[in-house]
Amino acid sequence: KVQFNQAFLKKRIQAAQALREANFDAP
């Protein structure tokens, strides 16, 4: 039922960012 749209991209990118922020202090 998932829609491949902007909301999908936002959710996945935010999840990816959380993993990076857990490992690195600088962007």
mmCIF file of all heavy atoms, coordinates in Angstrom:
data_MODEL
# 
_entry.id   MODEL 
# 
loop_
_atom_site.group_PDB 
_atom_site.id 
_atom_site.type_symbol 
_atom_site.label_atom_id 
_atom_site.label_alt_id 
_atom_site.label_comp_id 
_atom_site.label_asym_id 
_atom_site.label_entity_id 
_atom_site.label_seq_id 
_atom_site.pdbx_PDB_ins_code 
_atom_site.Cartn_x 
_atom_site.Cartn_y 
_atom_site.Cartn_z 
_atom_site.occupancy 
_atom_site.B_iso_or_equiv 
_atom_site.pdbx_formal_charge 
_atom_site.auth_seq_id 
_atom_site.auth_comp_id 
_atom_site.auth_asym_id 
_atom_site.auth_atom_id 
_atom_site.pdbx_PDB_model_num 
ATOM 1   N N   . LYS A 1 1  ? 0.812  -1.218 0.000  1.00 0.00 ? 1  LYS A N   1 
ATOM 2   C CA  . LYS A 1 1  ? 0.000  0.000  0.000  1.00 0.00 ? 1  LYS A CA  1 
ATOM 3   C C   . LYS A 1 1  ? 0.849  1.273  0.000  1.00 0.00 ? 1  LYS A C   1 
ATOM 4   O O   . LYS A 1 1  ? 0.312  2.389  -0.078 1.00 0.00 ? 1  LYS A O   1 
ATOM 5   C CB  . LYS A 1 1  ? -0.931 0.014  1.209  1.00 0.00 ? 1  LYS A CB  1 
ATOM 6   C CG  . LYS A 1 1  ? -1.949 -1.120 1.208  1.00 0.00 ? 1  LYS A CG  1 
ATOM 7   C CD  . LYS A 1 1  ? -2.867 -1.042 2.413  1.00 0.00 ? 1  LYS A CD  1 
ATOM 8   C CE  . LYS A 1 1  ? -3.870 -2.193 2.410  1.00 0.00 ? 1  LYS A CE  1 
ATOM 9   N NZ  . LYS A 1 1  ? -4.767 -2.146 3.595  1.00 0.00 ? 1  LYS A NZ  1 
ATOM 10  N N   . VAL A 1 2  ? 2.170  1.126  0.085  1.00 0.00 ? 2  VAL A N   1 
ATOM 11  C CA  . VAL A 1 2  ? 3.061  2.286  0.151  1.00 0.00 ? 2  VAL A CA  1 
ATOM 12  C C   . VAL A 1 2  ? 3.014  3.079  -1.152 1.00 0.00 ? 2  VAL A C   1 
ATOM 13  O O   . VAL A 1 2  ? 2.964  2.515  -2.245 1.00 0.00 ? 2  VAL A O   1 
ATOM 14  C CB  . VAL A 1 2  ? 4.497  1.836  0.468  1.00 0.00 ? 2  VAL A CB  1 
ATOM 15  C CG1 . VAL A 1 2  ? 5.512  2.888  0.056  1.00 0.00 ? 2  VAL A CG1 1 
ATOM 16  C CG2 . VAL A 1 2  ? 4.649  1.540  1.942  1.00 0.00 ? 2  VAL A CG2 1 
ATOM 17  N N   . GLN A 1 3  ? 3.053  4.397  -1.023 1.00 0.00 ? 3  GLN A N   1 
ATOM 18  C CA  . GLN A 1 3  ? 3.119  5.291  -2.176 1.00 0.00 ? 3  GLN A CA  1 
ATOM 19  C C   . GLN A 1 3  ? 4.542  5.826  -2.312 1.00 0.00 ? 3  GLN A C   1 
ATOM 20  O O   . GLN A 1 3  ? 5.137  6.283  -1.332 1.00 0.00 ? 3  GLN A O   1 
ATOM 21  C CB  . GLN A 1 3  ? 2.146  6.470  -1.997 1.00 0.00 ? 3  GLN A CB  1 
ATOM 22  C CG  . GLN A 1 3  ? 0.682  6.063  -1.872 1.00 0.00 ? 3  GLN A CG  1 
ATOM 23  C CD  . GLN A 1 3  ? 0.141  5.499  -3.168 1.00 0.00 ? 3  GLN A CD  1 
ATOM 24  O OE1 . GLN A 1 3  ? 0.318  6.081  -4.235 1.00 0.00 ? 3  GLN A OE1 1 
ATOM 25  N NE2 . GLN A 1 3  ? -0.517 4.341  -3.080 1.00 0.00 ? 3  GLN A NE2 1 
ATOM 26  N N   . PHE A 1 4  ? 5.070  5.758  -3.510 1.00 0.00 ? 4  PHE A N   1 
ATOM 27  C CA  . PHE A 1 4  ? 6.411  6.273  -3.777 1.00 0.00 ? 4  PHE A CA  1 
ATOM 28  C C   . PHE A 1 4  ? 6.284  7.730  -4.171 1.00 0.00 ? 4  PHE A C   1 
ATOM 29  O O   . PHE A 1 4  ? 6.012  8.081  -5.321 1.00 0.00 ? 4  PHE A O   1 
ATOM 30  C CB  . PHE A 1 4  ? 7.061  5.460  -4.894 1.00 0.00 ? 4  PHE A CB  1 
ATOM 31  C CG  . PHE A 1 4  ? 8.493  5.829  -5.177 1.00 0.00 ? 4  PHE A CG  1 
ATOM 32  C CD1 . PHE A 1 4  ? 9.409  6.030  -4.160 1.00 0.00 ? 4  PHE A CD1 1 
ATOM 33  C CD2 . PHE A 1 4  ? 8.937  5.960  -6.489 1.00 0.00 ? 4  PHE A CD2 1 
ATOM 34  C CE1 . PHE A 1 4  ? 10.732 6.361  -4.430 1.00 0.00 ? 4  PHE A CE1 1 
ATOM 35  C CE2 . PHE A 1 4  ? 10.258 6.292  -6.775 1.00 0.00 ? 4  PHE A CE2 1 
ATOM 36  C CZ  . PHE A 1 4  ? 11.156 6.491  -5.739 1.00 0.00 ? 4  PHE A CZ  1 
ATOM 37  N N   . ASN A 1 5  ? 6.457  8.613  -3.183 1.00 0.00 ? 5  ASN A N   1 
ATOM 38  C CA  . ASN A 1 5  ? 6.213  10.037 -3.402 1.00 0.00 ? 5  ASN A CA  1 
ATOM 39  C C   . ASN A 1 5  ? 7.142  10.854 -2.510 1.00 0.00 ? 5  ASN A C   1 
ATOM 40  O O   . ASN A 1 5  ? 8.087  10.319 -1.912 1.00 0.00 ? 5  ASN A O   1 
ATOM 41  C CB  . ASN A 1 5  ? 4.744  10.371 -3.127 1.00 0.00 ? 5  ASN A CB  1 
ATOM 42  C CG  . ASN A 1 5  ? 4.294  9.888  -1.744 1.00 0.00 ? 5  ASN A CG  1 
ATOM 43  O OD1 . ASN A 1 5  ? 5.114  9.687  -0.841 1.00 0.00 ? 5  ASN A OD1 1 
ATOM 44  N ND2 . ASN A 1 5  ? 2.988  9.701  -1.572 1.00 0.00 ? 5  ASN A ND2 1 
ATOM 45  N N   . GLN A 1 6  ? 6.868  12.140 -2.408 1.00 0.00 ? 6  GLN A N   1 
ATOM 46  C CA  . GLN A 1 6  ? 7.745  13.021 -1.633 1.00 0.00 ? 6  GLN A CA  1 
ATOM 47  C C   . GLN A 1 6  ? 7.764  12.639 -0.159 1.00 0.00 ? 6  GLN A C   1 
ATOM 48  O O   . GLN A 1 6  ? 8.809  12.705 0.495  1.00 0.00 ? 6  GLN A O   1 
ATOM 49  C CB  . GLN A 1 6  ? 7.289  14.476 -1.809 1.00 0.00 ? 6  GLN A CB  1 
ATOM 50  C CG  . GLN A 1 6  ? 8.274  15.484 -1.209 1.00 0.00 ? 6  GLN A CG  1 
ATOM 51  C CD  . GLN A 1 6  ? 7.909  16.916 -1.574 1.00 0.00 ? 6  GLN A CD  1 
ATOM 52  O OE1 . GLN A 1 6  ? 7.369  17.167 -2.647 1.00 0.00 ? 6  GLN A OE1 1 
ATOM 53  N NE2 . GLN A 1 6  ? 8.214  17.844 -0.690 1.00 0.00 ? 6  GLN A NE2 1 
ATOM 54  N N   . ALA A 1 7  ? 6.620  12.240 0.383  1.00 0.00 ? 7  ALA A N   1 
ATOM 55  C CA  . ALA A 1 7  ? 6.567  11.827 1.788  1.00 0.00 ? 7  ALA A CA  1 
ATOM 56  C C   . ALA A 1 7  ? 7.444  10.596 2.028  1.00 0.00 ? 7  ALA A C   1 
ATOM 57  O O   . ALA A 1 7  ? 8.110  10.476 3.062  1.00 0.00 ? 7  ALA A O   1 
ATOM 58  C CB  . ALA A 1 7  ? 5.123  11.536 2.195  1.00 0.00 ? 7  ALA A CB  1 
ATOM 59  N N   . PHE A 1 8  ? 7.441  9.683  1.063  1.00 0.00 ? 8  PHE A N   1 
ATOM 60  C CA  . PHE A 1 8  ? 8.289  8.487  1.140  1.00 0.00 ? 8  PHE A CA  1 
ATOM 61  C C   . PHE A 1 8  ? 9.763  8.897  1.186  1.00 0.00 ? 8  PHE A C   1 
ATOM 62  O O   . PHE A 1 8  ? 10.535 8.419  2.029  1.00 0.00 ? 8  PHE A O   1 
ATOM 63  C CB  . PHE A 1 8  ? 8.008  7.607  -0.076 1.00 0.00 ? 8  PHE A CB  1 
ATOM 64  C CG  . PHE A 1 8  ? 8.850  6.366  -0.167 1.00 0.00 ? 8  PHE A CG  1 
ATOM 65  C CD1 . PHE A 1 8  ? 8.368  5.155  0.295  1.00 0.00 ? 8  PHE A CD1 1 
ATOM 66  C CD2 . PHE A 1 8  ? 10.123 6.403  -0.738 1.00 0.00 ? 8  PHE A CD2 1 
ATOM 67  C CE1 . PHE A 1 8  ? 9.135  3.995  0.192  1.00 0.00 ? 8  PHE A CE1 1 
ATOM 68  C CE2 . PHE A 1 8  ? 10.900 5.256  -0.832 1.00 0.00 ? 8  PHE A CE2 1 
ATOM 69  C CZ  . PHE A 1 8  ? 10.402 4.044  -0.364 1.00 0.00 ? 8  PHE A CZ  1 
ATOM 70  N N   . LEU A 1 9  ? 10.171 9.774  0.282  1.00 0.00 ? 9  LEU A N   1 
ATOM 71  C CA  . LEU A 1 9  ? 11.555 10.240 0.241  1.00 0.00 ? 9  LEU A CA  1 
ATOM 72  C C   . LEU A 1 9  ? 11.953 10.903 1.556  1.00 0.00 ? 9  LEU A C   1 
ATOM 73  O O   . LEU A 1 9  ? 13.033 10.644 2.101  1.00 0.00 ? 9  LEU A O   1 
ATOM 74  C CB  . LEU A 1 9  ? 11.747 11.225 -0.911 1.00 0.00 ? 9  LEU A CB  1 
ATOM 75  C CG  . LEU A 1 9  ? 11.640 10.678 -2.339 1.00 0.00 ? 9  LEU A CG  1 
ATOM 76  C CD1 . LEU A 1 9  ? 11.673 11.829 -3.340 1.00 0.00 ? 9  LEU A CD1 1 
ATOM 77  C CD2 . LEU A 1 9  ? 12.762 9.688  -2.624 1.00 0.00 ? 9  LEU A CD2 1 
ATOM 78  N N   . LYS A 1 10 ? 11.089 11.748 2.061  1.00 0.00 ? 10 LYS A N   1 
ATOM 79  C CA  . LYS A 1 10 ? 11.383 12.461 3.313  1.00 0.00 ? 10 LYS A CA  1 
ATOM 80  C C   . LYS A 1 10 ? 11.628 11.487 4.452  1.00 0.00 ? 10 LYS A C   1 
ATOM 81  O O   . LYS A 1 10 ? 12.609 11.624 5.207  1.00 0.00 ? 10 LYS A O   1 
ATOM 82  C CB  . LYS A 1 10 ? 10.238 13.405 3.652  1.00 0.00 ? 10 LYS A CB  1 
ATOM 83  C CG  . LYS A 1 10 ? 10.440 14.149 4.973  1.00 0.00 ? 10 LYS A CG  1 
ATOM 84  C CD  . LYS A 1 10 ? 9.238  15.042 5.290  1.00 0.00 ? 10 LYS A CD  1 
ATOM 85  C CE  . LYS A 1 10 ? 9.427  15.739 6.633  1.00 0.00 ? 10 LYS A CE  1 
ATOM 86  N NZ  . LYS A 1 10 ? 8.255  16.577 6.993  1.00 0.00 ? 10 LYS A NZ  1 
ATOM 87  N N   . LYS A 1 11 ? 10.758 10.485 4.576  1.00 0.00 ? 11 LYS A N   1 
ATOM 88  C CA  . LYS A 1 11 ? 10.877 9.532  5.672  1.00 0.00 ? 11 LYS A CA  1 
ATOM 89  C C   . LYS A 1 11 ? 12.174 8.749  5.583  1.00 0.00 ? 11 LYS A C   1 
ATOM 90  O O   . LYS A 1 11 ? 12.885 8.575  6.583  1.00 0.00 ? 11 LYS A O   1 
ATOM 91  C CB  . LYS A 1 11 ? 9.680  8.582  5.645  1.00 0.00 ? 11 LYS A CB  1 
ATOM 92  C CG  . LYS A 1 11 ? 9.641  7.593  6.810  1.00 0.00 ? 11 LYS A CG  1 
ATOM 93  C CD  . LYS A 1 11 ? 8.385  6.742  6.764  1.00 0.00 ? 11 LYS A CD  1 
ATOM 94  C CE  . LYS A 1 11 ? 8.338  5.769  7.943  1.00 0.00 ? 11 LYS A CE  1 
ATOM 95  N NZ  . LYS A 1 11 ? 7.109  4.931  7.903  1.00 0.00 ? 11 LYS A NZ  1 
ATOM 96  N N   . ARG A 1 12 ? 12.515 8.288  4.374  1.00 0.00 ? 12 ARG A N   1 
ATOM 97  C CA  . ARG A 1 12 ? 13.728 7.488  4.215  1.00 0.00 ? 12 ARG A CA  1 
ATOM 98  C C   . ARG A 1 12 ? 14.988 8.332  4.422  1.00 0.00 ? 12 ARG A C   1 
ATOM 99  O O   . ARG A 1 12 ? 15.976 7.878  5.003  1.00 0.00 ? 12 ARG A O   1 
ATOM 100 C CB  . ARG A 1 12 ? 13.736 6.836  2.825  1.00 0.00 ? 12 ARG A CB  1 
ATOM 101 C CG  . ARG A 1 12 ? 12.656 5.757  2.639  1.00 0.00 ? 12 ARG A CG  1 
ATOM 102 C CD  . ARG A 1 12 ? 13.012 4.458  3.337  1.00 0.00 ? 12 ARG A CD  1 
ATOM 103 N NE  . ARG A 1 12 ? 11.897 3.531  3.394  1.00 0.00 ? 12 ARG A NE  1 
ATOM 104 C CZ  . ARG A 1 12 ? 11.653 2.584  2.485  1.00 0.00 ? 12 ARG A CZ  1 
ATOM 105 N NH1 . ARG A 1 12 ? 12.441 2.467  1.428  1.00 0.00 ? 12 ARG A NH1 1 
ATOM 106 N NH2 . ARG A 1 12 ? 10.626 1.774  2.643  1.00 0.00 ? 12 ARG A NH2 1 
ATOM 107 N N   . ILE A 1 13 ? 14.991 9.567  3.935  1.00 0.00 ? 13 ILE A N   1 
ATOM 108 C CA  . ILE A 1 13 ? 16.161 10.434 4.107  1.00 0.00 ? 13 ILE A CA  1 
ATOM 109 C C   . ILE A 1 13 ? 16.348 10.790 5.583  1.00 0.00 ? 13 ILE A C   1 
ATOM 110 O O   . ILE A 1 13 ? 17.483 10.810 6.084  1.00 0.00 ? 13 ILE A O   1 
ATOM 111 C CB  . ILE A 1 13 ? 16.031 11.705 3.236  1.00 0.00 ? 13 ILE A CB  1 
ATOM 112 C CG1 . ILE A 1 13 ? 16.157 11.337 1.756  1.00 0.00 ? 13 ILE A CG1 1 
ATOM 113 C CG2 . ILE A 1 13 ? 17.108 12.728 3.610  1.00 0.00 ? 13 ILE A CG2 1 
ATOM 114 C CD1 . ILE A 1 13 ? 15.897 12.487 0.804  1.00 0.00 ? 13 ILE A CD1 1 
ATOM 115 N N   . GLN A 1 14 ? 15.273 11.035 6.284  1.00 0.00 ? 14 GLN A N   1 
ATOM 116 C CA  . GLN A 1 14 ? 15.380 11.337 7.713  1.00 0.00 ? 14 GLN A CA  1 
ATOM 117 C C   . GLN A 1 14 ? 15.925 10.142 8.488  1.00 0.00 ? 14 GLN A C   1 
ATOM 118 O O   . GLN A 1 14 ? 16.725 10.310 9.415  1.00 0.00 ? 14 GLN A O   1 
ATOM 119 C CB  . GLN A 1 14 ? 14.014 11.754 8.264  1.00 0.00 ? 14 GLN A CB  1 
ATOM 120 C CG  . GLN A 1 14 ? 13.584 13.148 7.837  1.00 0.00 ? 14 GLN A CG  1 
ATOM 121 C CD  . GLN A 1 14 ? 12.217 13.523 8.374  1.00 0.00 ? 14 GLN A CD  1 
ATOM 122 O OE1 . GLN A 1 14 ? 11.272 12.723 8.321  1.00 0.00 ? 14 GLN A OE1 1 
ATOM 123 N NE2 . GLN A 1 14 ? 12.090 14.730 8.902  1.00 0.00 ? 14 GLN A NE2 1 
ATOM 124 N N   . ALA A 1 15 ? 15.512 8.938  8.117  1.00 0.00 ? 15 ALA A N   1 
ATOM 125 C CA  . ALA A 1 15 ? 16.042 7.738  8.772  1.00 0.00 ? 15 ALA A CA  1 
ATOM 126 C C   . ALA A 1 15 ? 17.534 7.582  8.488  1.00 0.00 ? 15 ALA A C   1 
ATOM 127 O O   . ALA A 1 15 ? 18.317 7.222  9.382  1.00 0.00 ? 15 ALA A O   1 
ATOM 128 C CB  . ALA A 1 15 ? 15.273 6.506  8.292  1.00 0.00 ? 15 ALA A CB  1 
ATOM 129 N N   . ALA A 1 16 ? 17.928 7.867  7.262  1.00 0.00 ? 16 ALA A N   1 
ATOM 130 C CA  . ALA A 1 16 ? 19.344 7.798  6.898  1.00 0.00 ? 16 ALA A CA  1 
ATOM 131 C C   . ALA A 1 16 ? 20.154 8.829  7.685  1.00 0.00 ? 16 ALA A C   1 
ATOM 132 O O   . ALA A 1 16 ? 21.254 8.540  8.180  1.00 0.00 ? 16 ALA A O   1 
ATOM 133 C CB  . ALA A 1 16 ? 19.505 8.026  5.399  1.00 0.00 ? 16 ALA A CB  1 
ATOM 134 N N   . GLN A 1 17 ? 19.614 10.024 7.830  1.00 0.00 ? 17 GLN A N   1 
ATOM 135 C CA  . GLN A 1 17 ? 20.314 11.069 8.554  1.00 0.00 ? 17 GLN A CA  1 
ATOM 136 C C   . GLN A 1 17 ? 20.506 10.683 10.021 1.00 0.00 ? 17 GLN A C   1 
ATOM 137 O O   . GLN A 1 17 ? 21.568 10.950 10.602 1.00 0.00 ? 17 GLN A O   1 
ATOM 138 C CB  . GLN A 1 17 ? 19.540 12.382 8.468  1.00 0.00 ? 17 GLN A CB  1 
ATOM 139 C CG  . GLN A 1 17 ? 20.225 13.519 9.217  1.00 0.00 ? 17 GLN A CG  1 
ATOM 140 C CD  . GLN A 1 17 ? 19.429 14.816 9.168  1.00 0.00 ? 17 GLN A CD  1 
ATOM 141 O OE1 . GLN A 1 17 ? 18.738 15.078 8.195  1.00 0.00 ? 17 GLN A OE1 1 
ATOM 142 N NE2 . GLN A 1 17 ? 19.528 15.606 10.210 1.00 0.00 ? 17 GLN A NE2 1 
ATOM 143 N N   . ALA A 1 18 ? 19.515 10.046 10.617 1.00 0.00 ? 18 ALA A N   1 
ATOM 144 C CA  . ALA A 1 18 ? 19.623 9.649  12.018 1.00 0.00 ? 18 ALA A CA  1 
ATOM 145 C C   . ALA A 1 18 ? 20.793 8.697  12.236 1.00 0.00 ? 18 ALA A C   1 
ATOM 146 O O   . ALA A 1 18 ? 21.519 8.796  13.237 1.00 0.00 ? 18 ALA A O   1 
ATOM 147 C CB  . ALA A 1 18 ? 18.314 8.999  12.471 1.00 0.00 ? 18 ALA A CB  1 
ATOM 148 N N   . LEU A 1 19 ? 21.005 7.778  11.295 1.00 0.00 ? 19 LEU A N   1 
ATOM 149 C CA  . LEU A 1 19 ? 22.139 6.856  11.404 1.00 0.00 ? 19 LEU A CA  1 
ATOM 150 C C   . LEU A 1 19 ? 23.455 7.612  11.295 1.00 0.00 ? 19 LEU A C   1 
ATOM 151 O O   . LEU A 1 19 ? 24.403 7.324  12.036 1.00 0.00 ? 19 LEU A O   1 
ATOM 152 C CB  . LEU A 1 19 ? 22.043 5.789  10.317 1.00 0.00 ? 19 LEU A CB  1 
ATOM 153 C CG  . LEU A 1 19 ? 23.200 4.790  10.257 1.00 0.00 ? 19 LEU A CG  1 
ATOM 154 C CD1 . LEU A 1 19 ? 23.302 3.998  11.557 1.00 0.00 ? 19 LEU A CD1 1 
ATOM 155 C CD2 . LEU A 1 19 ? 23.031 3.845  9.067  1.00 0.00 ? 19 LEU A CD2 1 
ATOM 156 N N   . ARG A 1 20 ? 23.525 8.580  10.394 1.00 0.00 ? 20 ARG A N   1 
ATOM 157 C CA  . ARG A 1 20 ? 24.768 9.358  10.248 1.00 0.00 ? 20 ARG A CA  1 
ATOM 158 C C   . ARG A 1 20 ? 25.037 10.208 11.482 1.00 0.00 ? 20 ARG A C   1 
ATOM 159 O O   . ARG A 1 20 ? 26.169 10.299 11.962 1.00 0.00 ? 20 ARG A O   1 
ATOM 160 C CB  . ARG A 1 20 ? 24.702 10.265 9.017  1.00 0.00 ? 20 ARG A CB  1 
ATOM 161 C CG  . ARG A 1 20 ? 25.044 9.569  7.708  1.00 0.00 ? 20 ARG A CG  1 
ATOM 162 C CD  . ARG A 1 20 ? 24.060 8.506  7.341  1.00 0.00 ? 20 ARG A CD  1 
ATOM 163 N NE  . ARG A 1 20 ? 24.378 7.848  6.062  1.00 0.00 ? 20 ARG A NE  1 
ATOM 164 C CZ  . ARG A 1 20 ? 23.691 6.825  5.591  1.00 0.00 ? 20 ARG A CZ  1 
ATOM 165 N NH1 . ARG A 1 20 ? 22.658 6.332  6.264  1.00 0.00 ? 20 ARG A NH1 1 
ATOM 166 N NH2 . ARG A 1 20 ? 24.022 6.266  4.452  1.00 0.00 ? 20 ARG A NH2 1 
ATOM 167 N N   . GLU A 1 21 ? 24.004 10.819 12.021 1.00 0.00 ? 21 GLU A N   1 
ATOM 168 C CA  . GLU A 1 21 ? 24.197 11.666 13.201 1.00 0.00 ? 21 GLU A CA  1 
ATOM 169 C C   . GLU A 1 21 ? 24.619 10.852 14.417 1.00 0.00 ? 21 GLU A C   1 
ATOM 170 O O   . GLU A 1 21 ? 25.266 11.372 15.326 1.00 0.00 ? 21 GLU A O   1 
ATOM 171 C CB  . GLU A 1 21 ? 22.908 12.439 13.490 1.00 0.00 ? 21 GLU A CB  1 
ATOM 172 C CG  . GLU A 1 21 ? 22.636 13.538 12.461 1.00 0.00 ? 21 GLU A CG  1 
ATOM 173 C CD  . GLU A 1 21 ? 21.384 14.330 12.766 1.00 0.00 ? 21 GLU A CD  1 
ATOM 174 O OE1 . GLU A 1 21 ? 20.564 13.852 13.580 1.00 0.00 ? 21 GLU A OE1 1 
ATOM 175 O OE2 . GLU A 1 21 ? 21.220 15.428 12.200 1.00 0.00 ? 21 GLU A OE2 1 
ATOM 176 N N   . ALA A 1 22 ? 24.260 9.559  14.430 1.00 0.00 ? 22 ALA A N   1 
ATOM 177 C CA  . ALA A 1 22 ? 24.687 8.699  15.530 1.00 0.00 ? 22 ALA A CA  1 
ATOM 178 C C   . ALA A 1 22 ? 26.170 8.355  15.431 1.00 0.00 ? 22 ALA A C   1 
ATOM 179 O O   . ALA A 1 22 ? 26.777 7.932  16.418 1.00 0.00 ? 22 ALA A O   1 
ATOM 180 C CB  . ALA A 1 22 ? 23.857 7.412  15.537 1.00 0.00 ? 22 ALA A CB  1 
ATOM 181 N N   . ASN A 1 23 ? 26.750 8.549  14.245 1.00 0.00 ? 23 ASN A N   1 
ATOM 182 C CA  . ASN A 1 23 ? 28.141 8.161  14.023 1.00 0.00 ? 23 ASN A CA  1 
ATOM 183 C C   . ASN A 1 23 ? 29.102 9.322  13.820 1.00 0.00 ? 23 ASN A C   1 
ATOM 184 O O   . ASN A 1 23 ? 30.309 9.147  13.986 1.00 0.00 ? 23 ASN A O   1 
ATOM 185 C CB  . ASN A 1 23 ? 28.222 7.241  12.799 1.00 0.00 ? 23 ASN A CB  1 
ATOM 186 C CG  . ASN A 1 23 ? 27.743 5.838  13.079 1.00 0.00 ? 23 ASN A CG  1 
ATOM 187 O OD1 . ASN A 1 23 ? 28.478 5.026  13.638 1.00 0.00 ? 23 ASN A OD1 1 
ATOM 188 N ND2 . ASN A 1 23 ? 26.507 5.538  12.711 1.00 0.00 ? 23 ASN A ND2 1 
ATOM 189 N N   . PHE A 1 24 ? 28.590 10.489 13.438 1.00 0.00 ? 24 PHE A N   1 
ATOM 190 C CA  . PHE A 1 24 ? 29.467 11.617 13.114 1.00 0.00 ? 24 PHE A CA  1 
ATOM 191 C C   . PHE A 1 24 ? 28.997 12.893 13.796 1.00 0.00 ? 24 PHE A C   1 
ATOM 192 O O   . PHE A 1 24 ? 27.791 13.151 13.891 1.00 0.00 ? 24 PHE A O   1 
ATOM 193 C CB  . PHE A 1 24 ? 29.511 11.832 11.600 1.00 0.00 ? 24 PHE A CB  1 
ATOM 194 C CG  . PHE A 1 24 ? 29.976 10.621 10.826 1.00 0.00 ? 24 PHE A CG  1 
ATOM 195 C CD1 . PHE A 1 24 ? 29.081 9.891  10.059 1.00 0.00 ? 24 PHE A CD1 1 
ATOM 196 C CD2 . PHE A 1 24 ? 31.297 10.211 10.888 1.00 0.00 ? 24 PHE A CD2 1 
ATOM 197 C CE1 . PHE A 1 24 ? 29.495 8.773  9.353  1.00 0.00 ? 24 PHE A CE1 1 
ATOM 198 C CE2 . PHE A 1 24 ? 31.724 9.092  10.192 1.00 0.00 ? 24 PHE A CE2 1 
ATOM 199 C CZ  . PHE A 1 24 ? 30.826 8.372  9.424  1.00 0.00 ? 24 PHE A CZ  1 
ATOM 200 N N   . ASP A 1 25 ? 29.968 13.684 14.246 1.00 0.00 ? 25 ASP A N   1 
ATOM 201 C CA  . ASP A 1 25 ? 29.652 14.933 14.947 1.00 0.00 ? 25 ASP A CA  1 
ATOM 202 C C   . ASP A 1 25 ? 29.400 16.090 13.990 1.00 0.00 ? 25 ASP A C   1 
ATOM 203 O O   . ASP A 1 25 ? 28.706 17.037 14.342 1.00 0.00 ? 25 ASP A O   1 
ATOM 204 C CB  . ASP A 1 25 ? 30.797 15.307 15.896 1.00 0.00 ? 25 ASP A CB  1 
ATOM 205 C CG  . ASP A 1 25 ? 30.981 14.302 17.022 1.00 0.00 ? 25 ASP A CG  1 
ATOM 206 O OD1 . ASP A 1 25 ? 29.973 13.691 17.434 1.00 0.00 ? 25 ASP A OD1 1 
ATOM 207 O OD2 . ASP A 1 25 ? 32.127 14.124 17.472 1.00 0.00 ? 25 ASP A OD2 1 
ATOM 208 N N   . ALA A 1 26 ? 29.986 16.032 12.808 1.00 0.00 ? 26 ALA A N   1 
ATOM 209 C CA  . ALA A 1 26 ? 29.874 17.138 11.853 1.00 0.00 ? 26 ALA A CA  1 
ATOM 210 C C   . ALA A 1 26 ? 29.115 16.665 10.602 1.00 0.00 ? 26 ALA A C   1 
ATOM 211 O O   . ALA A 1 26 ? 29.139 15.485 10.259 1.00 0.00 ? 26 ALA A O   1 
ATOM 212 C CB  . ALA A 1 26 ? 31.263 17.643 11.473 1.00 0.00 ? 26 ALA A CB  1 
ATOM 213 N N   . PRO A 1 27 ? 28.457 17.588 9.895  1.00 0.00 ? 27 PRO A N   1 
ATOM 214 C CA  . PRO A 1 27 ? 27.627 17.217 8.741  1.00 0.00 ? 27 PRO A CA  1 
ATOM 215 C C   . PRO A 1 27 ? 28.413 16.996 7.457  1.00 0.00 ? 27 PRO A C   1 
ATOM 216 O O   . PRO A 1 27 ? 28.165 17.616 6.422  1.00 0.00 ? 27 PRO A O   1 
ATOM 217 C CB  . PRO A 1 27 ? 26.683 18.415 8.616  1.00 0.00 ? 27 PRO A CB  1 
ATOM 218 C CG  . PRO A 1 27 ? 27.505 19.578 9.071  1.00 0.00 ? 27 PRO A CG  1 
ATOM 219 C CD  . PRO A 1 27 ? 28.356 19.045 10.190 1.00 0.00 ? 27 PRO A CD  1 
# 
